[in-house]
């Protein structure tokens, strides 16, 4: 994602786990745009889902979004009316040119089944990564 490597900005008290156990699945942003809202008591930020795992996500935005805060995340189905909502903690950010990427962890995992559009996305991504070419 970042052509010029530099340390991600991490709030003072937070520690970023380097040994992520959860596989992340990139959203095919050229064919699917999953809109995201990050809602805090004072502001609502807007962006697009960049990648997702069952326990967290990365949002790409053109707004600067503060890290180290808790918020409500709403992810809107790209071709329907379903909304997945989770409480999240914003853990890190990375700026690439004019875009801002914000990583977060969810308070409750997303089920990997057909009950949500994100579960279907993760399930389909897993199947395509495991199938032989």
N, C-alpha and C. Protein backbone atom coordinates (compact mmCIF):
# COMPACT_ATOMS: atom_id res chain seq x y z
N UNK A 1 0.82 -1.17 0.00
CA UNK A 1 0.00 0.00 0.00
C UNK A 1 0.87 1.25 0.00
N UNK A 2 1.85 1.34 0.86
CA UNK A 2 2.68 2.52 0.97
C UNK A 2 3.97 2.30 0.20
N UNK A 3 4.21 3.16 -0.78
CA UNK A 3 5.41 3.01 -1.60
C UNK A 3 6.67 3.46 -0.86
N UNK A 4 6.52 4.33 0.14
CA UNK A 4 7.64 4.83 0.90
C UNK A 4 7.47 4.38 2.34
N UNK A 5 8.14 3.29 2.72
CA UNK A 5 7.94 2.76 4.07
C UNK A 5 8.35 3.75 5.15
N UNK A 6 7.52 3.88 6.14
CA UNK A 6 7.82 4.66 7.33
C UNK A 6 6.95 4.11 8.45
N UNK A 7 7.34 4.33 9.69
CA UNK A 7 6.55 3.77 10.78
C UNK A 7 5.14 4.32 10.80
N UNK A 8 4.18 3.45 11.06
CA UNK A 8 2.81 3.89 11.22
C UNK A 8 2.70 4.70 12.50
N UNK A 9 1.76 5.64 12.52
CA UNK A 9 1.55 6.45 13.71
C UNK A 9 0.67 5.67 14.67
N UNK A 10 1.17 5.48 15.88
CA UNK A 10 0.48 4.71 16.89
C UNK A 10 0.37 5.57 18.13
N UNK A 11 -0.83 5.66 18.73
CA UNK A 11 -0.95 6.50 19.92
C UNK A 11 -0.02 6.02 21.03
N UNK A 12 0.41 6.96 21.87
CA UNK A 12 1.40 6.71 22.90
C UNK A 12 1.17 5.46 23.73
N UNK A 13 -0.04 5.24 24.24
CA UNK A 13 -0.29 4.11 25.12
C UNK A 13 -0.58 2.82 24.40
N UNK A 14 -0.84 2.86 23.11
CA UNK A 14 -1.24 1.65 22.38
C UNK A 14 -0.02 0.92 21.85
N UNK A 15 -0.12 -0.39 21.83
CA UNK A 15 0.93 -1.22 21.24
C UNK A 15 0.32 -1.97 20.07
N UNK A 16 0.99 -1.94 18.94
CA UNK A 16 0.52 -2.63 17.75
C UNK A 16 1.10 -4.03 17.75
N UNK A 17 0.23 -5.02 17.65
CA UNK A 17 0.70 -6.40 17.59
C UNK A 17 1.30 -6.66 16.23
N UNK A 18 2.52 -7.08 16.18
CA UNK A 18 3.17 -7.37 14.92
C UNK A 18 2.78 -8.76 14.45
N UNK A 19 2.50 -9.66 15.36
CA UNK A 19 2.18 -11.04 15.01
C UNK A 19 0.67 -11.22 14.85
N UNK A 20 0.08 -10.57 13.85
CA UNK A 20 -1.35 -10.69 13.61
C UNK A 20 -1.69 -12.14 13.33
N UNK A 21 -2.67 -12.64 14.02
CA UNK A 21 -3.10 -14.02 13.82
C UNK A 21 -4.24 -14.11 12.81
N UNK A 22 -4.90 -13.02 12.59
CA UNK A 22 -6.09 -13.00 11.75
C UNK A 22 -5.73 -12.60 10.32
N UNK A 23 -6.13 -13.39 9.36
CA UNK A 23 -5.89 -13.08 7.96
C UNK A 23 -6.81 -11.95 7.53
N UNK A 24 -6.28 -11.00 6.77
CA UNK A 24 -7.07 -9.88 6.26
C UNK A 24 -7.42 -10.13 4.81
N UNK A 25 -8.60 -9.66 4.42
CA UNK A 25 -9.10 -9.86 3.06
C UNK A 25 -9.33 -8.52 2.42
N UNK A 26 -8.63 -8.28 1.31
CA UNK A 26 -8.74 -7.02 0.60
C UNK A 26 -10.07 -6.95 -0.12
N UNK A 27 -10.70 -5.78 -0.03
CA UNK A 27 -11.96 -5.55 -0.73
C UNK A 27 -11.61 -5.15 -2.16
N UNK A 28 -12.24 -5.75 -3.16
CA UNK A 28 -11.95 -5.36 -4.55
C UNK A 28 -12.54 -3.98 -4.85
N UNK A 29 -11.81 -2.92 -4.45
CA UNK A 29 -12.34 -1.56 -4.47
C UNK A 29 -12.69 -1.04 -5.85
N UNK A 30 -12.18 -1.64 -6.91
CA UNK A 30 -12.53 -1.17 -8.25
C UNK A 30 -13.88 -1.71 -8.71
N UNK A 31 -14.34 -2.79 -8.10
CA UNK A 31 -15.65 -3.33 -8.47
C UNK A 31 -16.68 -3.23 -7.35
N UNK A 32 -16.22 -3.07 -6.11
CA UNK A 32 -17.11 -3.01 -4.95
C UNK A 32 -16.67 -1.85 -4.06
N UNK A 33 -17.60 -0.97 -3.74
CA UNK A 33 -17.30 0.13 -2.80
C UNK A 33 -18.19 -0.03 -1.59
N UNK A 34 -17.59 -0.45 -0.50
CA UNK A 34 -18.33 -0.60 0.75
C UNK A 34 -18.08 0.67 1.56
N UNK A 35 -19.10 1.51 1.63
CA UNK A 35 -18.99 2.79 2.32
C UNK A 35 -18.93 2.56 3.83
N UNK A 36 -18.15 3.40 4.50
CA UNK A 36 -17.95 3.27 5.94
C UNK A 36 -18.22 4.61 6.62
N UNK A 37 -18.84 4.53 7.77
CA UNK A 37 -19.02 5.69 8.64
C UNK A 37 -18.37 5.35 9.98
N UNK A 38 -17.56 6.25 10.49
CA UNK A 38 -16.97 6.10 11.82
C UNK A 38 -17.59 7.20 12.67
N UNK A 39 -18.39 6.80 13.63
CA UNK A 39 -19.20 7.75 14.39
C UNK A 39 -18.65 7.89 15.80
N UNK A 40 -18.30 9.12 16.16
CA UNK A 40 -17.85 9.46 17.50
C UNK A 40 -18.88 10.41 18.09
N UNK A 41 -18.81 10.70 19.39
CA UNK A 41 -19.77 11.64 19.97
C UNK A 41 -19.72 13.04 19.35
N UNK A 42 -18.57 13.42 18.79
CA UNK A 42 -18.42 14.78 18.28
C UNK A 42 -18.40 14.89 16.76
N UNK A 43 -18.20 13.78 16.05
CA UNK A 43 -18.02 13.87 14.60
C UNK A 43 -18.32 12.52 13.93
N UNK A 44 -18.71 12.58 12.67
CA UNK A 44 -18.85 11.38 11.84
C UNK A 44 -17.87 11.49 10.68
N UNK A 45 -17.02 10.49 10.53
CA UNK A 45 -16.05 10.45 9.45
C UNK A 45 -16.54 9.47 8.38
N UNK A 46 -16.15 9.71 7.13
CA UNK A 46 -16.60 8.86 6.02
C UNK A 46 -15.39 8.29 5.28
N UNK A 47 -15.56 7.08 4.78
CA UNK A 47 -14.50 6.44 4.01
C UNK A 47 -15.02 5.21 3.30
N UNK A 48 -14.07 4.40 2.85
CA UNK A 48 -14.37 3.18 2.11
C UNK A 48 -13.59 2.04 2.76
N UNK A 49 -14.22 0.89 2.88
CA UNK A 49 -13.56 -0.28 3.44
C UNK A 49 -12.43 -0.71 2.51
N UNK A 50 -11.21 -0.82 3.05
CA UNK A 50 -10.04 -1.21 2.27
C UNK A 50 -9.75 -2.70 2.42
N UNK A 51 -9.69 -3.16 3.66
CA UNK A 51 -9.59 -4.60 3.90
C UNK A 51 -10.29 -4.93 5.21
N UNK A 52 -10.55 -6.22 5.40
CA UNK A 52 -11.35 -6.64 6.54
C UNK A 52 -10.89 -8.01 7.00
N UNK A 53 -11.02 -8.25 8.29
CA UNK A 53 -10.88 -9.59 8.85
C UNK A 53 -12.08 -9.78 9.76
N UNK A 54 -12.18 -10.92 10.39
CA UNK A 54 -13.33 -11.12 11.27
C UNK A 54 -13.25 -10.21 12.50
N UNK A 55 -12.03 -9.78 12.87
CA UNK A 55 -11.85 -9.00 14.10
C UNK A 55 -11.46 -7.55 13.89
N UNK A 56 -11.34 -7.10 12.66
CA UNK A 56 -10.95 -5.71 12.42
C UNK A 56 -11.02 -5.33 10.96
N UNK A 57 -10.63 -4.09 10.69
CA UNK A 57 -10.71 -3.58 9.32
C UNK A 57 -9.75 -2.42 9.13
N UNK A 58 -9.58 -2.05 7.88
CA UNK A 58 -8.86 -0.85 7.49
C UNK A 58 -9.79 -0.03 6.61
N UNK A 59 -9.91 1.25 6.94
CA UNK A 59 -10.75 2.17 6.19
C UNK A 59 -9.86 3.17 5.48
N UNK A 60 -10.16 3.47 4.23
CA UNK A 60 -9.45 4.51 3.49
C UNK A 60 -10.36 5.73 3.43
N UNK A 61 -9.80 6.89 3.77
CA UNK A 61 -10.59 8.12 3.82
C UNK A 61 -9.76 9.28 3.29
N UNK A 62 -10.44 10.35 2.91
CA UNK A 62 -9.74 11.58 2.54
C UNK A 62 -9.86 12.61 3.67
N UNK A 63 -10.40 12.17 4.81
CA UNK A 63 -10.46 12.99 6.01
C UNK A 63 -9.41 12.47 6.99
N UNK A 64 -8.80 13.36 7.74
CA UNK A 64 -7.87 12.93 8.79
C UNK A 64 -8.73 12.41 9.95
N UNK A 65 -8.49 11.17 10.34
CA UNK A 65 -9.27 10.54 11.41
C UNK A 65 -8.33 10.27 12.58
N UNK A 66 -8.68 10.78 13.77
CA UNK A 66 -7.79 10.57 14.92
C UNK A 66 -7.75 9.11 15.34
N UNK A 67 -6.63 8.68 15.89
CA UNK A 67 -6.50 7.30 16.35
C UNK A 67 -6.52 7.27 17.87
N UNK A 68 -6.65 6.06 18.41
CA UNK A 68 -6.68 5.88 19.85
C UNK A 68 -8.05 6.12 20.44
N UNK A 69 -9.07 6.25 19.59
CA UNK A 69 -10.42 6.52 20.09
C UNK A 69 -11.32 5.32 19.82
N UNK A 70 -12.42 5.29 20.55
CA UNK A 70 -13.46 4.29 20.30
C UNK A 70 -14.55 4.95 19.47
N UNK A 71 -15.18 4.17 18.60
CA UNK A 71 -16.24 4.72 17.77
C UNK A 71 -17.19 3.60 17.35
N UNK A 72 -18.28 3.99 16.74
CA UNK A 72 -19.19 3.05 16.11
C UNK A 72 -18.85 3.04 14.63
N UNK A 73 -18.66 1.85 14.07
CA UNK A 73 -18.36 1.71 12.65
C UNK A 73 -19.58 1.13 11.96
N UNK A 74 -20.05 1.80 10.92
CA UNK A 74 -21.14 1.29 10.09
C UNK A 74 -20.60 1.04 8.69
N UNK A 75 -20.75 -0.19 8.22
CA UNK A 75 -20.32 -0.58 6.88
C UNK A 75 -21.57 -0.90 6.08
N UNK A 76 -21.73 -0.20 4.94
CA UNK A 76 -22.94 -0.29 4.13
C UNK A 76 -22.73 -1.21 2.94
N UNK A 77 -23.63 -2.16 2.75
CA UNK A 77 -23.56 -3.09 1.63
C UNK A 77 -23.53 -2.30 0.32
N UNK A 78 -22.67 -2.69 -0.59
CA UNK A 78 -22.49 -1.94 -1.84
C UNK A 78 -23.68 -2.03 -2.78
N UNK A 79 -24.41 -3.10 -2.76
CA UNK A 79 -25.54 -3.27 -3.70
C UNK A 79 -26.78 -3.73 -2.94
N UNK A 80 -27.05 -3.11 -1.82
CA UNK A 80 -28.20 -3.51 -1.02
C UNK A 80 -28.35 -2.57 0.17
N UNK A 81 -29.20 -2.96 1.07
CA UNK A 81 -29.50 -2.07 2.19
C UNK A 81 -28.94 -2.57 3.53
N UNK A 82 -28.24 -3.69 3.53
CA UNK A 82 -27.73 -4.23 4.79
C UNK A 82 -26.60 -3.36 5.33
N UNK A 83 -26.58 -3.18 6.65
CA UNK A 83 -25.53 -2.43 7.33
C UNK A 83 -24.96 -3.32 8.43
N UNK A 84 -23.63 -3.41 8.49
CA UNK A 84 -22.96 -4.11 9.58
C UNK A 84 -22.42 -3.04 10.50
N UNK A 85 -22.77 -3.13 11.78
CA UNK A 85 -22.35 -2.12 12.75
C UNK A 85 -21.58 -2.81 13.87
N UNK A 86 -20.45 -2.23 14.22
CA UNK A 86 -19.63 -2.74 15.32
C UNK A 86 -19.06 -1.57 16.09
N UNK A 87 -18.76 -1.81 17.36
CA UNK A 87 -17.96 -0.87 18.13
C UNK A 87 -16.50 -1.20 17.80
N UNK A 88 -15.68 -0.17 17.68
CA UNK A 88 -14.30 -0.40 17.29
C UNK A 88 -13.38 0.57 18.01
N UNK A 89 -12.12 0.16 18.08
CA UNK A 89 -11.06 1.04 18.59
C UNK A 89 -10.10 1.28 17.44
N UNK A 90 -9.82 2.56 17.17
CA UNK A 90 -8.91 2.93 16.09
C UNK A 90 -7.48 2.80 16.60
N UNK A 91 -6.68 1.95 15.95
CA UNK A 91 -5.37 1.57 16.47
C UNK A 91 -4.19 2.25 15.77
N UNK A 92 -4.30 2.48 14.48
CA UNK A 92 -3.17 3.04 13.75
C UNK A 92 -3.67 3.81 12.54
N UNK A 93 -2.80 4.66 11.98
CA UNK A 93 -3.11 5.29 10.70
C UNK A 93 -1.85 5.39 9.87
N UNK A 94 -2.05 5.55 8.58
CA UNK A 94 -0.96 5.68 7.64
C UNK A 94 -1.43 6.60 6.53
N UNK A 95 -0.64 7.61 6.21
CA UNK A 95 -0.99 8.57 5.16
C UNK A 95 -0.22 8.22 3.89
N UNK A 96 -0.93 8.13 2.77
CA UNK A 96 -0.32 7.87 1.48
C UNK A 96 -0.85 8.92 0.52
N UNK A 97 0.04 9.82 0.13
CA UNK A 97 -0.34 10.97 -0.67
C UNK A 97 -1.47 11.71 0.04
N UNK A 98 -2.65 11.79 -0.53
CA UNK A 98 -3.76 12.51 0.13
C UNK A 98 -4.75 11.59 0.82
N UNK A 99 -4.49 10.31 0.80
CA UNK A 99 -5.40 9.35 1.42
C UNK A 99 -4.92 9.00 2.82
N UNK A 100 -5.86 8.71 3.69
CA UNK A 100 -5.57 8.33 5.07
C UNK A 100 -6.15 6.93 5.29
N UNK A 101 -5.33 6.01 5.77
CA UNK A 101 -5.75 4.65 6.08
C UNK A 101 -5.77 4.50 7.59
N UNK A 102 -6.88 3.98 8.13
CA UNK A 102 -7.05 3.84 9.56
C UNK A 102 -7.37 2.38 9.87
N UNK A 103 -6.58 1.76 10.76
CA UNK A 103 -6.81 0.39 11.17
C UNK A 103 -7.53 0.33 12.50
N UNK A 104 -8.38 -0.66 12.65
CA UNK A 104 -9.20 -0.77 13.87
C UNK A 104 -9.43 -2.22 14.23
N UNK A 105 -9.79 -2.42 15.49
CA UNK A 105 -10.23 -3.74 15.94
C UNK A 105 -11.68 -3.63 16.38
N UNK A 106 -12.46 -4.68 16.10
CA UNK A 106 -13.87 -4.71 16.46
C UNK A 106 -14.05 -5.29 17.86
N UNK A 107 -15.12 -4.87 18.52
CA UNK A 107 -15.43 -5.44 19.84
C UNK A 107 -16.04 -6.83 19.71
N UNK A 108 -16.62 -7.13 18.55
CA UNK A 108 -17.29 -8.41 18.33
C UNK A 108 -16.95 -8.89 16.91
N UNK A 109 -16.52 -10.13 16.74
CA UNK A 109 -16.13 -10.62 15.41
C UNK A 109 -17.29 -10.64 14.42
N UNK A 110 -16.95 -10.56 13.16
CA UNK A 110 -17.92 -10.71 12.08
C UNK A 110 -18.03 -12.19 11.77
N UNK A 111 -19.24 -12.75 11.76
CA UNK A 111 -19.37 -14.17 11.46
C UNK A 111 -19.01 -14.47 10.00
N UNK A 112 -18.32 -15.57 9.79
CA UNK A 112 -17.94 -15.98 8.44
C UNK A 112 -19.01 -16.94 7.94
N UNK A 113 -20.12 -16.36 7.56
CA UNK A 113 -21.23 -17.14 7.01
C UNK A 113 -22.09 -16.19 6.17
N UNK A 114 -23.23 -16.61 5.75
CA UNK A 114 -24.05 -15.80 4.86
C UNK A 114 -24.99 -14.85 5.61
N UNK A 115 -24.79 -14.66 6.93
CA UNK A 115 -25.69 -13.78 7.68
C UNK A 115 -25.40 -12.29 7.41
N UNK A 116 -24.19 -11.95 6.94
CA UNK A 116 -23.89 -10.57 6.56
C UNK A 116 -23.13 -10.57 5.23
N UNK A 117 -23.19 -9.45 4.54
CA UNK A 117 -22.46 -9.34 3.27
C UNK A 117 -20.95 -9.40 3.51
N UNK A 118 -20.47 -8.95 4.66
CA UNK A 118 -19.04 -9.06 4.96
C UNK A 118 -18.64 -10.50 5.20
N UNK A 119 -19.50 -11.27 5.85
CA UNK A 119 -19.23 -12.69 6.04
C UNK A 119 -19.12 -13.41 4.71
N UNK A 120 -19.98 -13.05 3.77
CA UNK A 120 -19.94 -13.64 2.42
C UNK A 120 -18.64 -13.23 1.72
N UNK A 121 -18.26 -11.95 1.84
CA UNK A 121 -17.02 -11.47 1.23
C UNK A 121 -15.81 -12.22 1.77
N UNK A 122 -15.74 -12.39 3.09
CA UNK A 122 -14.62 -13.11 3.70
C UNK A 122 -14.64 -14.57 3.28
N UNK A 123 -15.82 -15.19 3.30
CA UNK A 123 -15.95 -16.59 2.92
C UNK A 123 -15.51 -16.80 1.47
N UNK A 124 -15.95 -15.92 0.55
CA UNK A 124 -15.58 -16.04 -0.85
C UNK A 124 -14.08 -15.79 -1.06
N UNK A 125 -13.52 -14.83 -0.32
CA UNK A 125 -12.08 -14.55 -0.42
C UNK A 125 -11.26 -15.74 0.05
N UNK A 126 -11.69 -16.36 1.15
CA UNK A 126 -10.99 -17.55 1.65
C UNK A 126 -11.02 -18.67 0.61
N UNK A 127 -12.17 -18.88 0.02
CA UNK A 127 -12.33 -19.97 -0.96
C UNK A 127 -11.45 -19.71 -2.19
N UNK A 128 -11.39 -18.45 -2.66
CA UNK A 128 -10.59 -18.17 -3.85
C UNK A 128 -9.08 -18.26 -3.55
N UNK A 129 -8.67 -17.94 -2.32
CA UNK A 129 -7.26 -18.03 -1.96
C UNK A 129 -6.83 -19.47 -1.74
N UNK A 130 -7.75 -20.33 -1.37
CA UNK A 130 -7.41 -21.73 -1.10
C UNK A 130 -7.51 -22.60 -2.34
N UNK A 131 -8.22 -22.13 -3.38
CA UNK A 131 -8.39 -22.96 -4.57
C UNK A 131 -7.11 -22.97 -5.38
N UNK A 132 -6.74 -24.12 -5.95
CA UNK A 132 -5.52 -24.20 -6.76
C UNK A 132 -5.73 -23.51 -8.10
N UNK A 133 -4.66 -22.89 -8.60
CA UNK A 133 -4.74 -22.17 -9.89
C UNK A 133 -4.56 -23.10 -11.06
